[in-house]
N, C-alpha and C. Protein backbone atom coordinates (compact mmCIF):
# COMPACT_ATOMS: atom_id res chain seq x y z
N VAL A 1 -14.80 7.27 9.58
CA VAL A 1 -14.14 7.20 10.87
C VAL A 1 -14.29 8.55 11.55
N VAL A 2 -14.96 8.54 12.69
CA VAL A 2 -15.25 9.78 13.40
C VAL A 2 -14.35 9.95 14.62
N ASN A 3 -13.98 8.83 15.25
CA ASN A 3 -13.17 8.92 16.46
C ASN A 3 -12.16 7.77 16.50
N TYR A 4 -11.36 7.77 17.54
CA TYR A 4 -10.29 6.78 17.66
C TYR A 4 -10.82 5.36 17.74
N SER A 5 -11.91 5.13 18.44
CA SER A 5 -12.45 3.77 18.54
C SER A 5 -12.97 3.30 17.18
N ASP A 6 -13.51 4.21 16.37
CA ASP A 6 -13.91 3.86 15.00
C ASP A 6 -12.69 3.43 14.18
N LEU A 7 -11.59 4.17 14.36
CA LEU A 7 -10.36 3.85 13.64
C LEU A 7 -9.87 2.46 14.03
N LEU A 8 -9.85 2.16 15.32
CA LEU A 8 -9.38 0.85 15.78
C LEU A 8 -10.29 -0.28 15.27
N GLU A 9 -11.57 -0.01 15.19
CA GLU A 9 -12.51 -1.00 14.65
C GLU A 9 -12.22 -1.26 13.17
N LYS A 10 -11.96 -0.19 12.44
CA LYS A 10 -11.63 -0.31 11.01
C LYS A 10 -10.32 -1.07 10.83
N VAL A 11 -9.33 -0.79 11.67
CA VAL A 11 -8.05 -1.50 11.61
C VAL A 11 -8.26 -3.00 11.78
N GLU A 12 -9.08 -3.40 12.73
CA GLU A 12 -9.34 -4.83 12.97
C GLU A 12 -9.99 -5.49 11.76
N LYS A 13 -10.92 -4.80 11.13
CA LYS A 13 -11.56 -5.33 9.92
C LYS A 13 -10.55 -5.49 8.80
N CYS A 14 -9.68 -4.51 8.65
CA CYS A 14 -8.68 -4.54 7.59
C CYS A 14 -7.64 -5.64 7.82
N LYS A 15 -7.32 -5.90 9.07
CA LYS A 15 -6.35 -6.96 9.40
C LYS A 15 -6.80 -8.31 8.85
N LYS A 16 -8.09 -8.57 8.90
CA LYS A 16 -8.62 -9.84 8.40
C LYS A 16 -8.36 -10.00 6.90
N ASN A 17 -8.35 -8.88 6.18
CA ASN A 17 -8.13 -8.92 4.73
C ASN A 17 -6.72 -9.33 4.34
N ILE A 18 -5.76 -9.10 5.22
CA ILE A 18 -4.37 -9.44 4.87
C ILE A 18 -3.79 -10.54 5.75
N GLU A 19 -4.62 -11.14 6.58
CA GLU A 19 -4.12 -12.16 7.50
C GLU A 19 -3.43 -13.31 6.79
N VAL A 20 -3.93 -13.70 5.63
CA VAL A 20 -3.32 -14.80 4.88
C VAL A 20 -1.89 -14.44 4.45
N ARG A 21 -1.60 -13.14 4.33
CA ARG A 21 -0.26 -12.68 3.96
C ARG A 21 0.64 -12.53 5.18
N GLN A 22 0.08 -12.05 6.28
CA GLN A 22 0.90 -11.79 7.47
C GLN A 22 1.13 -13.01 8.33
N ASN A 23 0.18 -13.91 8.37
CA ASN A 23 0.27 -15.10 9.22
C ASN A 23 -0.03 -16.36 8.41
N PRO A 24 0.75 -16.63 7.38
CA PRO A 24 0.42 -17.76 6.50
C PRO A 24 0.41 -19.11 7.20
N ASP A 25 1.18 -19.26 8.25
CA ASP A 25 1.24 -20.55 8.93
C ASP A 25 -0.04 -20.88 9.70
N LYS A 26 -0.91 -19.89 9.90
CA LYS A 26 -2.19 -20.13 10.58
C LYS A 26 -3.18 -20.88 9.70
N PHE A 27 -2.93 -20.87 8.41
CA PHE A 27 -3.89 -21.43 7.47
C PHE A 27 -3.51 -22.85 7.08
N ASN A 28 -4.51 -23.72 7.02
CA ASN A 28 -4.30 -25.09 6.56
C ASN A 28 -4.21 -25.04 5.04
N LYS A 29 -3.02 -25.15 4.52
CA LYS A 29 -2.81 -24.97 3.09
C LYS A 29 -3.54 -26.00 2.24
N GLY A 30 -3.77 -27.18 2.78
CA GLY A 30 -4.45 -28.21 2.01
C GLY A 30 -5.91 -27.93 1.77
N ASN A 31 -6.55 -27.21 2.69
CA ASN A 31 -7.99 -26.99 2.58
C ASN A 31 -8.37 -25.57 2.18
N ILE A 32 -7.45 -24.66 2.27
CA ILE A 32 -7.80 -23.27 1.99
C ILE A 32 -7.89 -23.03 0.49
N LYS A 33 -8.92 -22.35 0.09
CA LYS A 33 -9.08 -21.99 -1.31
C LYS A 33 -8.48 -20.61 -1.58
N GLU A 34 -8.49 -19.77 -0.56
CA GLU A 34 -8.02 -18.39 -0.74
C GLU A 34 -6.52 -18.36 -0.95
N ARG A 35 -6.12 -17.63 -1.95
CA ARG A 35 -4.70 -17.41 -2.22
C ARG A 35 -4.50 -15.93 -2.50
N HIS A 36 -3.35 -15.41 -2.07
CA HIS A 36 -2.95 -14.06 -2.42
C HIS A 36 -1.67 -14.19 -3.23
N ILE A 37 -1.69 -13.63 -4.41
CA ILE A 37 -0.51 -13.62 -5.28
C ILE A 37 0.10 -12.23 -5.15
N LEU A 38 1.27 -12.17 -4.53
CA LEU A 38 1.94 -10.90 -4.27
C LEU A 38 2.98 -10.66 -5.36
N ILE A 39 2.84 -9.59 -6.08
CA ILE A 39 3.75 -9.26 -7.17
C ILE A 39 4.58 -8.05 -6.75
N CYS A 40 5.89 -8.18 -6.87
CA CYS A 40 6.78 -7.08 -6.51
C CYS A 40 6.50 -5.89 -7.42
N GLY A 41 6.26 -4.73 -6.79
CA GLY A 41 6.00 -3.51 -7.53
C GLY A 41 7.14 -2.51 -7.43
N GLY A 42 8.32 -3.01 -7.06
CA GLY A 42 9.49 -2.14 -6.98
C GLY A 42 9.95 -1.72 -8.37
N PRO A 43 10.82 -0.71 -8.45
CA PRO A 43 11.25 -0.19 -9.75
C PRO A 43 11.88 -1.24 -10.67
N GLY A 44 12.70 -2.14 -10.12
CA GLY A 44 13.34 -3.16 -10.95
C GLY A 44 12.33 -4.11 -11.56
N CYS A 45 11.39 -4.57 -10.75
CA CYS A 45 10.37 -5.50 -11.25
C CYS A 45 9.40 -4.79 -12.19
N LYS A 46 9.07 -3.54 -11.88
CA LYS A 46 8.20 -2.77 -12.77
C LYS A 46 8.86 -2.62 -14.14
N ALA A 47 10.17 -2.35 -14.15
CA ALA A 47 10.89 -2.21 -15.40
C ALA A 47 10.96 -3.53 -16.17
N SER A 48 10.77 -4.64 -15.46
CA SER A 48 10.79 -5.97 -16.08
C SER A 48 9.37 -6.51 -16.30
N ASN A 49 8.42 -5.61 -16.47
CA ASN A 49 7.05 -5.96 -16.86
C ASN A 49 6.15 -6.48 -15.75
N ALA A 50 6.37 -6.09 -14.52
CA ALA A 50 5.49 -6.53 -13.43
C ALA A 50 4.04 -6.12 -13.66
N ASP A 51 3.82 -4.95 -14.27
CA ASP A 51 2.45 -4.51 -14.55
C ASP A 51 1.75 -5.46 -15.51
N ASN A 52 2.48 -5.93 -16.52
CA ASN A 52 1.89 -6.88 -17.47
C ASN A 52 1.62 -8.23 -16.82
N ILE A 53 2.46 -8.62 -15.88
CA ILE A 53 2.25 -9.88 -15.15
C ILE A 53 1.00 -9.75 -14.29
N LEU A 54 0.84 -8.62 -13.62
CA LEU A 54 -0.37 -8.36 -12.84
C LEU A 54 -1.62 -8.47 -13.72
N ARG A 55 -1.57 -7.82 -14.87
CA ARG A 55 -2.70 -7.86 -15.80
C ARG A 55 -2.98 -9.30 -16.25
N ALA A 56 -1.92 -10.05 -16.58
CA ALA A 56 -2.10 -11.44 -17.04
C ALA A 56 -2.72 -12.31 -15.95
N PHE A 57 -2.28 -12.14 -14.70
CA PHE A 57 -2.88 -12.89 -13.59
C PHE A 57 -4.36 -12.55 -13.46
N ASN A 58 -4.68 -11.26 -13.48
CA ASN A 58 -6.08 -10.86 -13.33
C ASN A 58 -6.95 -11.39 -14.47
N GLU A 59 -6.41 -11.38 -15.69
CA GLU A 59 -7.17 -11.91 -16.83
C GLU A 59 -7.40 -13.41 -16.69
N GLU A 60 -6.37 -14.15 -16.31
CA GLU A 60 -6.49 -15.61 -16.18
C GLU A 60 -7.44 -15.97 -15.03
N ILE A 61 -7.34 -15.26 -13.94
CA ILE A 61 -8.21 -15.51 -12.79
C ILE A 61 -9.66 -15.21 -13.17
N SER A 62 -9.87 -14.15 -13.91
CA SER A 62 -11.22 -13.80 -14.37
C SER A 62 -11.74 -14.85 -15.35
N ARG A 63 -10.90 -15.29 -16.27
CA ARG A 63 -11.29 -16.31 -17.25
C ARG A 63 -11.75 -17.59 -16.57
N LEU A 64 -11.11 -17.93 -15.45
CA LEU A 64 -11.42 -19.16 -14.72
C LEU A 64 -12.45 -18.94 -13.60
N ASN A 65 -12.98 -17.72 -13.51
CA ASN A 65 -13.96 -17.37 -12.47
C ASN A 65 -13.45 -17.65 -11.05
N LEU A 66 -12.22 -17.25 -10.79
CA LEU A 66 -11.59 -17.49 -9.48
C LEU A 66 -11.46 -16.21 -8.66
N GLU A 67 -12.16 -15.15 -9.05
CA GLU A 67 -12.01 -13.86 -8.38
C GLU A 67 -12.33 -13.89 -6.90
N ASN A 68 -13.23 -14.77 -6.48
CA ASN A 68 -13.60 -14.83 -5.06
C ASN A 68 -12.54 -15.53 -4.21
N ASP A 69 -11.69 -16.33 -4.84
CA ASP A 69 -10.71 -17.12 -4.11
C ASP A 69 -9.28 -16.58 -4.21
N ILE A 70 -8.98 -15.86 -5.27
CA ILE A 70 -7.60 -15.43 -5.50
C ILE A 70 -7.54 -13.92 -5.64
N LYS A 71 -6.65 -13.32 -4.85
CA LYS A 71 -6.41 -11.88 -4.93
C LYS A 71 -5.00 -11.68 -5.46
N VAL A 72 -4.86 -10.73 -6.36
CA VAL A 72 -3.55 -10.38 -6.90
C VAL A 72 -3.22 -8.99 -6.40
N ILE A 73 -2.07 -8.86 -5.75
CA ILE A 73 -1.71 -7.60 -5.11
C ILE A 73 -0.33 -7.16 -5.58
N MET A 74 -0.24 -5.92 -6.06
CA MET A 74 1.05 -5.33 -6.38
C MET A 74 1.57 -4.73 -5.09
N THR A 75 2.67 -5.25 -4.59
CA THR A 75 3.20 -4.84 -3.30
C THR A 75 4.36 -3.88 -3.46
N GLY A 76 4.95 -3.51 -2.34
CA GLY A 76 6.20 -2.78 -2.36
C GLY A 76 7.32 -3.73 -2.76
N CYS A 77 8.50 -3.21 -2.86
CA CYS A 77 9.67 -3.96 -3.33
C CYS A 77 10.05 -5.11 -2.41
N PHE A 78 10.34 -6.27 -3.00
CA PHE A 78 10.82 -7.43 -2.26
C PHE A 78 12.33 -7.33 -2.01
N GLY A 79 13.02 -6.50 -2.78
CA GLY A 79 14.45 -6.30 -2.58
C GLY A 79 15.36 -7.19 -3.40
N PHE A 80 14.81 -8.12 -4.15
CA PHE A 80 15.62 -9.09 -4.89
C PHE A 80 15.58 -8.75 -6.38
N CYS A 81 15.92 -7.51 -6.69
CA CYS A 81 15.77 -6.96 -8.04
C CYS A 81 16.48 -7.79 -9.11
N ALA A 82 17.62 -8.35 -8.79
CA ALA A 82 18.39 -9.12 -9.77
C ALA A 82 17.64 -10.36 -10.25
N LYS A 83 16.66 -10.81 -9.49
CA LYS A 83 15.91 -12.02 -9.85
C LYS A 83 14.48 -11.70 -10.27
N GLY A 84 14.19 -10.42 -10.46
CA GLY A 84 12.82 -10.02 -10.77
C GLY A 84 12.44 -10.22 -12.21
N PRO A 85 11.15 -10.14 -12.43
CA PRO A 85 10.08 -9.94 -11.49
C PRO A 85 9.90 -11.15 -10.56
N VAL A 86 9.59 -10.86 -9.31
CA VAL A 86 9.37 -11.92 -8.33
C VAL A 86 7.94 -11.85 -7.82
N ILE A 87 7.42 -13.03 -7.45
CA ILE A 87 6.10 -13.10 -6.85
C ILE A 87 6.15 -14.09 -5.69
N GLU A 88 5.23 -13.93 -4.77
CA GLU A 88 5.09 -14.88 -3.66
C GLU A 88 3.62 -15.24 -3.54
N ILE A 89 3.35 -16.52 -3.39
CA ILE A 89 1.98 -16.99 -3.25
C ILE A 89 1.74 -17.36 -1.80
N MET A 90 0.72 -16.74 -1.24
CA MET A 90 0.36 -16.96 0.16
C MET A 90 -0.99 -17.65 0.25
N PRO A 91 -1.22 -18.51 1.20
CA PRO A 91 -0.41 -18.79 2.38
C PRO A 91 0.68 -19.84 2.16
N ASP A 92 0.86 -20.26 0.91
CA ASP A 92 1.82 -21.33 0.62
C ASP A 92 3.27 -20.93 0.87
N ARG A 93 3.53 -19.62 0.84
CA ARG A 93 4.88 -19.08 1.02
C ARG A 93 5.83 -19.52 -0.10
N VAL A 94 5.30 -19.72 -1.28
CA VAL A 94 6.13 -20.12 -2.43
C VAL A 94 6.56 -18.86 -3.16
N PHE A 95 7.87 -18.76 -3.39
CA PHE A 95 8.49 -17.58 -3.96
C PHE A 95 9.04 -17.91 -5.34
N TYR A 96 8.50 -17.26 -6.36
CA TYR A 96 8.93 -17.49 -7.74
C TYR A 96 9.76 -16.31 -8.23
N ILE A 97 10.80 -16.62 -9.02
CA ILE A 97 11.69 -15.59 -9.55
C ILE A 97 11.61 -15.54 -11.07
N LYS A 98 12.02 -14.41 -11.62
CA LYS A 98 12.09 -14.21 -13.07
C LYS A 98 10.80 -14.64 -13.77
N VAL A 99 9.69 -14.25 -13.20
CA VAL A 99 8.38 -14.61 -13.74
C VAL A 99 8.09 -13.75 -14.97
N THR A 100 7.51 -14.38 -15.98
CA THR A 100 7.10 -13.67 -17.19
C THR A 100 5.59 -13.82 -17.37
N GLU A 101 5.05 -13.04 -18.29
CA GLU A 101 3.62 -13.17 -18.61
C GLU A 101 3.29 -14.59 -19.05
N GLU A 102 4.22 -15.20 -19.77
CA GLU A 102 4.00 -16.55 -20.29
C GLU A 102 3.93 -17.58 -19.17
N ASP A 103 4.47 -17.28 -18.00
CA ASP A 103 4.46 -18.22 -16.87
C ASP A 103 3.14 -18.20 -16.10
N VAL A 104 2.35 -17.17 -16.28
CA VAL A 104 1.15 -16.96 -15.47
C VAL A 104 0.18 -18.13 -15.57
N LYS A 105 -0.13 -18.56 -16.77
CA LYS A 105 -1.10 -19.65 -16.95
C LYS A 105 -0.61 -20.92 -16.26
N GLU A 106 0.68 -21.22 -16.38
CA GLU A 106 1.24 -22.41 -15.73
C GLU A 106 1.17 -22.29 -14.20
N ILE A 107 1.45 -21.12 -13.67
CA ILE A 107 1.38 -20.92 -12.22
C ILE A 107 -0.05 -21.14 -11.73
N ILE A 108 -1.02 -20.58 -12.45
CA ILE A 108 -2.42 -20.76 -12.05
C ILE A 108 -2.82 -22.23 -12.15
N GLU A 109 -2.54 -22.85 -13.29
CA GLU A 109 -2.97 -24.24 -13.49
C GLU A 109 -2.25 -25.21 -12.57
N SER A 110 -0.92 -25.12 -12.52
CA SER A 110 -0.14 -26.07 -11.73
C SER A 110 -0.22 -25.79 -10.24
N HIS A 111 0.14 -24.58 -9.86
CA HIS A 111 0.25 -24.26 -8.44
C HIS A 111 -1.13 -24.05 -7.79
N ILE A 112 -1.90 -23.13 -8.34
CA ILE A 112 -3.16 -22.76 -7.71
C ILE A 112 -4.20 -23.87 -7.81
N LEU A 113 -4.39 -24.42 -9.00
CA LEU A 113 -5.46 -25.40 -9.20
C LEU A 113 -5.07 -26.83 -8.81
N GLU A 114 -3.79 -27.20 -9.06
CA GLU A 114 -3.38 -28.58 -8.81
C GLU A 114 -2.47 -28.75 -7.60
N GLY A 115 -2.01 -27.64 -7.01
CA GLY A 115 -1.16 -27.72 -5.83
C GLY A 115 0.27 -28.17 -6.10
N ARG A 116 0.71 -28.06 -7.37
CA ARG A 116 2.07 -28.45 -7.74
C ARG A 116 2.92 -27.20 -7.95
N VAL A 117 4.00 -27.10 -7.21
CA VAL A 117 4.92 -25.97 -7.33
C VAL A 117 5.60 -26.02 -8.70
N VAL A 118 5.79 -24.86 -9.31
CA VAL A 118 6.48 -24.76 -10.60
C VAL A 118 7.98 -24.65 -10.30
N ASP A 119 8.64 -25.80 -10.24
CA ASP A 119 10.05 -25.87 -9.80
C ASP A 119 10.99 -24.98 -10.61
N ARG A 120 10.79 -24.88 -11.90
CA ARG A 120 11.72 -24.13 -12.74
C ARG A 120 11.74 -22.63 -12.40
N LEU A 121 10.72 -22.14 -11.69
CA LEU A 121 10.66 -20.73 -11.32
C LEU A 121 11.15 -20.47 -9.89
N LEU A 122 11.59 -21.52 -9.22
CA LEU A 122 12.12 -21.35 -7.86
C LEU A 122 13.57 -20.90 -7.92
N TYR A 123 14.02 -20.25 -6.87
CA TYR A 123 15.42 -19.86 -6.74
C TYR A 123 16.28 -21.12 -6.65
N GLU A 124 17.42 -21.11 -7.34
CA GLU A 124 18.37 -22.22 -7.26
C GLU A 124 19.62 -21.77 -6.52
N ASN A 125 19.93 -22.46 -5.41
CA ASN A 125 21.13 -22.15 -4.65
C ASN A 125 22.34 -22.41 -5.53
N GLU A 126 23.19 -21.41 -5.69
CA GLU A 126 24.34 -21.53 -6.59
C GLU A 126 25.33 -22.60 -6.15
N GLU A 127 25.47 -22.80 -4.85
CA GLU A 127 26.42 -23.79 -4.34
C GLU A 127 25.87 -25.21 -4.36
N THR A 128 24.66 -25.39 -3.85
CA THR A 128 24.11 -26.74 -3.69
C THR A 128 23.23 -27.17 -4.87
N LYS A 129 22.85 -26.22 -5.71
CA LYS A 129 21.93 -26.46 -6.84
C LYS A 129 20.53 -26.85 -6.38
N GLU A 130 20.27 -26.71 -5.08
CA GLU A 130 18.96 -27.02 -4.52
C GLU A 130 17.97 -25.91 -4.88
N ARG A 131 16.75 -26.30 -5.21
CA ARG A 131 15.68 -25.33 -5.47
C ARG A 131 15.05 -24.97 -4.13
N ILE A 132 14.87 -23.69 -3.89
CA ILE A 132 14.35 -23.21 -2.61
C ILE A 132 13.02 -22.50 -2.87
N LYS A 133 11.97 -22.95 -2.18
CA LYS A 133 10.65 -22.36 -2.44
C LYS A 133 10.24 -21.28 -1.45
N ILE A 134 10.83 -21.25 -0.26
CA ILE A 134 10.44 -20.27 0.75
C ILE A 134 11.46 -19.13 0.77
N LYS A 135 10.97 -17.93 0.57
CA LYS A 135 11.83 -16.74 0.44
C LYS A 135 12.84 -16.63 1.58
N GLU A 136 12.38 -16.82 2.81
CA GLU A 136 13.25 -16.63 3.98
C GLU A 136 14.37 -17.66 4.06
N GLU A 137 14.31 -18.72 3.27
CA GLU A 137 15.37 -19.74 3.25
C GLU A 137 16.41 -19.48 2.16
N ILE A 138 16.17 -18.49 1.32
CA ILE A 138 17.13 -18.11 0.28
C ILE A 138 18.26 -17.34 0.96
N PRO A 139 19.53 -17.67 0.63
CA PRO A 139 20.65 -16.99 1.30
C PRO A 139 20.55 -15.46 1.31
N PHE A 140 20.07 -14.85 0.24
CA PHE A 140 19.94 -13.40 0.17
C PHE A 140 19.06 -12.85 1.29
N TYR A 141 18.02 -13.59 1.65
CA TYR A 141 17.07 -13.14 2.67
C TYR A 141 17.35 -13.69 4.06
N ARG A 142 18.06 -14.79 4.15
CA ARG A 142 18.17 -15.55 5.40
C ARG A 142 18.58 -14.73 6.61
N LYS A 143 19.54 -13.83 6.47
CA LYS A 143 20.04 -13.07 7.63
C LYS A 143 19.39 -11.70 7.77
N GLN A 144 18.44 -11.40 6.90
CA GLN A 144 17.79 -10.09 6.97
C GLN A 144 16.78 -10.03 8.11
N VAL A 145 16.79 -8.92 8.80
CA VAL A 145 15.79 -8.64 9.82
C VAL A 145 15.14 -7.32 9.42
N LYS A 146 13.94 -7.41 8.91
CA LYS A 146 13.27 -6.20 8.44
C LYS A 146 12.55 -5.52 9.60
N ILE A 147 12.80 -4.24 9.74
CA ILE A 147 12.14 -3.47 10.78
C ILE A 147 11.27 -2.41 10.10
N ALA A 148 11.88 -1.37 9.58
CA ALA A 148 11.12 -0.31 8.92
C ALA A 148 10.45 -0.80 7.63
N LEU A 149 11.05 -1.78 6.98
CA LEU A 149 10.53 -2.28 5.71
C LEU A 149 9.79 -3.61 5.84
N LYS A 150 9.33 -3.93 7.05
CA LYS A 150 8.72 -5.24 7.28
C LYS A 150 7.46 -5.49 6.45
N ASN A 151 6.81 -4.44 5.98
CA ASN A 151 5.59 -4.63 5.19
C ASN A 151 5.82 -4.58 3.69
N CYS A 152 7.06 -4.30 3.26
CA CYS A 152 7.36 -4.33 1.84
C CYS A 152 7.24 -5.77 1.35
N GLY A 153 6.54 -5.95 0.26
CA GLY A 153 6.31 -7.29 -0.25
C GLY A 153 5.12 -7.96 0.39
N VAL A 154 4.44 -7.26 1.31
CA VAL A 154 3.28 -7.83 2.00
C VAL A 154 2.02 -7.03 1.69
N ILE A 155 2.13 -5.71 1.70
CA ILE A 155 0.95 -4.88 1.47
C ILE A 155 1.09 -4.09 0.17
N ASP A 156 -0.05 -3.63 -0.31
CA ASP A 156 -0.09 -2.73 -1.45
C ASP A 156 0.10 -1.32 -0.88
N PRO A 157 1.22 -0.67 -1.18
CA PRO A 157 1.50 0.63 -0.58
C PRO A 157 0.53 1.73 -1.03
N GLU A 158 -0.28 1.45 -2.04
CA GLU A 158 -1.25 2.43 -2.52
C GLU A 158 -2.67 2.13 -2.04
N ASN A 159 -2.82 1.15 -1.16
CA ASN A 159 -4.13 0.74 -0.69
C ASN A 159 -4.31 1.16 0.77
N MET A 160 -5.26 2.03 1.03
CA MET A 160 -5.49 2.56 2.38
C MET A 160 -5.85 1.44 3.36
N GLU A 161 -6.65 0.47 2.95
CA GLU A 161 -7.03 -0.61 3.86
C GLU A 161 -5.83 -1.47 4.24
N ASP A 162 -4.92 -1.72 3.29
CA ASP A 162 -3.70 -2.45 3.63
C ASP A 162 -2.88 -1.66 4.65
N ALA A 163 -2.79 -0.34 4.45
CA ALA A 163 -2.04 0.50 5.38
C ALA A 163 -2.67 0.47 6.77
N LEU A 164 -3.99 0.56 6.83
CA LEU A 164 -4.68 0.49 8.12
C LEU A 164 -4.46 -0.86 8.79
N ALA A 165 -4.43 -1.93 7.99
CA ALA A 165 -4.27 -3.28 8.54
C ALA A 165 -2.96 -3.45 9.29
N VAL A 166 -1.95 -2.67 8.92
CA VAL A 166 -0.66 -2.77 9.61
C VAL A 166 -0.45 -1.63 10.60
N GLY A 167 -1.55 -0.94 10.92
CA GLY A 167 -1.50 0.05 12.00
C GLY A 167 -1.23 1.48 11.59
N ALA A 168 -1.24 1.77 10.30
CA ALA A 168 -1.02 3.16 9.87
C ALA A 168 -2.11 4.05 10.46
N TYR A 169 -1.74 5.22 10.83
CA TYR A 169 -2.63 6.26 11.34
C TYR A 169 -3.11 6.05 12.77
N THR A 170 -2.81 4.93 13.39
CA THR A 170 -3.29 4.72 14.76
C THR A 170 -2.62 5.66 15.75
N ALA A 171 -1.43 6.12 15.43
CA ALA A 171 -0.75 7.07 16.33
C ALA A 171 -1.50 8.40 16.41
N LEU A 172 -2.28 8.71 15.39
CA LEU A 172 -3.04 9.97 15.40
C LEU A 172 -4.03 10.02 16.56
N GLY A 173 -4.49 8.88 17.00
CA GLY A 173 -5.42 8.84 18.12
C GLY A 173 -4.79 9.16 19.45
N LYS A 174 -3.48 9.23 19.47
CA LYS A 174 -2.77 9.48 20.73
C LYS A 174 -2.33 10.93 20.87
N VAL A 175 -2.64 11.76 19.86
CA VAL A 175 -2.25 13.17 19.94
C VAL A 175 -3.43 14.06 20.26
């Protein structure tokens, strides 16, 4: 990147890489093969073996030769530490809680390959006993309006292209 227009061009390219995460409703879930598995990389989930879950997903995806269709991303904190490790599958918007390494194969086989949600890993509403699959419909998240933390749980905070995709560094072109 040599100048501001180069930076903006790079930002646009990077946006395409995370579009399935930022705008999941744009994608026809029935026909799309691409999936992004977002794993919470916050301290609580990391302490509950999120790194091993990431490794298990990558191994299973590699074993099944699905690397071109499925990306596994360690994101920033989702904020729901008490239910961690948590993951979200995009563009399906399915949110799984208390995921273990042992759950990975079932998630890949049932959810990714067969399109069947793994109900036992969904959040259960304490009052209604209803299983909730979309994070934003869980009471903990329902009234939250994320501003400064809107990209937590969406991007890999250690990935420069993810940062560029959400506009990082573009203000430098204005100084």
